[in-house]
Protein backbone atom coordinates (compact mmCIF):
# COMPACT_ATOMS: atom_id res chain seq x y z
CA UNK A 1 140.25 70.67 135.29
CA UNK A 2 142.86 73.33 134.33
CA UNK A 3 142.17 76.84 134.08
CA UNK A 4 142.16 77.80 129.64
CA UNK A 5 145.64 79.95 130.55
CA UNK A 6 147.19 76.95 131.75
CA UNK A 7 146.61 74.12 129.76
CA UNK A 8 150.12 72.55 129.22
CA UNK A 9 152.86 71.25 131.86
CA UNK A 10 156.51 71.08 131.63
CA UNK A 11 158.45 68.10 133.14
CA UNK A 12 161.64 69.44 134.73
CA UNK A 13 164.00 67.97 137.29
CA UNK A 14 161.16 65.59 138.45
CA UNK A 15 159.04 68.66 138.69
CA UNK A 16 155.91 68.78 136.84
CA UNK A 17 155.21 72.45 136.25
CA UNK A 18 152.28 74.27 135.24
CA UNK A 19 153.05 76.54 132.02
CA UNK A 20 151.06 79.49 132.41
CA UNK A 21 150.24 81.75 129.64
CA UNK A 22 149.82 85.07 131.25
CA UNK A 23 148.86 86.95 127.90
CA UNK A 24 145.83 84.68 127.78
CA UNK A 25 145.16 85.02 131.36
CA UNK A 26 145.22 88.94 131.52
CA UNK A 27 142.69 89.18 127.99
CA UNK A 28 140.41 86.48 129.38
CA UNK A 29 141.56 83.79 126.60
CA UNK A 30 141.96 80.66 126.39
CA UNK A 31 145.97 79.93 125.45
CA UNK A 32 146.08 80.85 122.56
CA UNK A 33 149.92 80.51 121.09
CA UNK A 34 152.60 78.05 120.80
CA UNK A 35 155.04 77.67 123.53
CA UNK A 36 158.18 78.15 122.46
CA UNK A 37 159.96 79.47 124.99
CA UNK A 38 159.41 78.83 128.57
CA UNK A 39 160.60 80.23 131.18
CA UNK A 40 161.09 78.10 134.80
CA UNK A 41 160.43 80.21 138.16
CA UNK A 42 161.09 79.52 141.95
CA UNK A 43 159.34 81.50 144.43
CA UNK A 44 158.59 80.82 148.56
CA UNK A 45 154.86 81.35 149.59
CA UNK A 46 156.14 82.28 152.54
CA UNK A 47 159.44 82.09 153.83
CA UNK A 48 158.34 79.09 156.46
CA UNK A 49 157.47 77.09 153.06
CA UNK A 50 159.63 75.03 150.78
CA UNK A 51 160.49 76.75 147.39
CA UNK A 52 158.07 76.11 144.38
CA UNK A 53 158.43 75.88 140.75
CA UNK A 54 155.89 77.19 137.97
CA UNK A 55 156.93 77.91 134.23
CA UNK A 56 155.39 80.93 132.41
CA UNK A 57 154.97 80.57 128.35
CA UNK A 58 157.74 83.59 127.13
CA UNK A 59 157.49 85.48 123.47
CA UNK A 60 161.65 85.89 123.79
CA UNK A 61 164.32 84.77 125.50
CA UNK A 62 164.40 86.88 128.75
CA UNK A 63 167.30 89.16 129.41
CA UNK A 64 168.86 90.51 132.41
CA UNK A 65 168.43 93.94 133.49
CA UNK A 66 169.57 96.34 136.51
CA UNK A 67 166.43 98.90 137.78
CA UNK A 68 166.57 101.26 140.08
CA UNK A 69 164.05 103.10 142.36
CA UNK A 70 164.04 105.96 139.81
CA UNK A 71 162.61 103.90 137.48
CA UNK A 72 159.89 102.96 139.65
CA UNK A 73 156.40 103.45 137.41
CA UNK A 74 152.52 102.76 138.10
CA UNK A 75 150.93 99.79 136.83
CA UNK A 76 149.30 99.75 133.41
CA UNK A 77 145.82 100.56 133.70
CA UNK A 78 145.11 98.18 130.86
CA UNK A 79 144.82 94.90 130.62
CA UNK A 80 143.06 95.77 134.35
CA UNK A 81 144.56 92.36 135.40
CA UNK A 82 148.23 93.41 136.33
CA UNK A 83 146.20 94.96 139.50
CA UNK A 84 145.99 91.34 141.02
CA UNK A 85 149.29 89.51 140.01
CA UNK A 86 152.02 92.76 139.93
CA UNK A 87 153.66 93.65 142.72
CA UNK A 88 154.95 96.88 141.29
CA UNK A 89 156.54 97.97 137.98
CA UNK A 90 159.56 99.92 136.19
CA UNK A 91 160.08 101.28 133.38
CA UNK A 92 162.67 101.13 130.94
CA UNK A 93 162.83 103.53 127.91
CA UNK A 94 158.95 103.33 126.14
CA UNK A 95 158.33 100.10 128.06
CA UNK A 96 156.60 99.41 131.30
CA UNK A 97 157.76 96.17 132.83
CA UNK A 98 155.31 94.51 135.67
CA UNK A 99 157.25 92.87 138.53
CA UNK A 100 155.21 89.78 139.00
CA UNK A 101 154.15 88.36 142.44
CA UNK A 102 154.98 84.33 141.86
CA UNK A 103 152.91 83.31 144.81
CA UNK A 104 149.41 84.40 143.57
CA UNK A 105 150.47 84.04 140.13
CA UNK A 106 150.81 80.16 140.61
CA UNK A 107 147.67 79.90 143.69
CA UNK A 108 143.86 79.18 142.52
CA UNK A 109 143.65 83.33 143.37
CA UNK A 110 143.70 83.76 139.71
CA UNK A 111 141.39 81.21 138.52
CA UNK A 112 139.07 83.08 141.45
CA UNK A 113 139.64 86.29 139.74
CA UNK A 114 138.61 84.87 136.21
CA UNK A 115 135.48 83.50 137.36
CA UNK A 116 134.55 86.66 138.82
CA UNK A 117 135.70 88.65 135.92
CA UNK A 118 132.69 85.76 133.88
């Protein structure tokens, strides 16, 4: 019964983590690529709640980047789903990089949003 963009799980430190294909969700598709790199993400939905975990299918190994307020930019217009799952974004060179809202990303809000789009 999992959504089409989240058909796999990752076992990590005794946790079963949903492995989400964000590109598939943004484009309204089922998972479309082989999962070779995964990013494990920790977040707190609220300050009074326990830390939770999720995993994203990644195209490449992530890199650390320093960001300052001068790099802030508007979210990409396309795909339109960025507005639902990104808090803001920054620009590095020609690349626009959204900052993800992890509690929203790993909640049922995206499943509900997908159903509305369909």
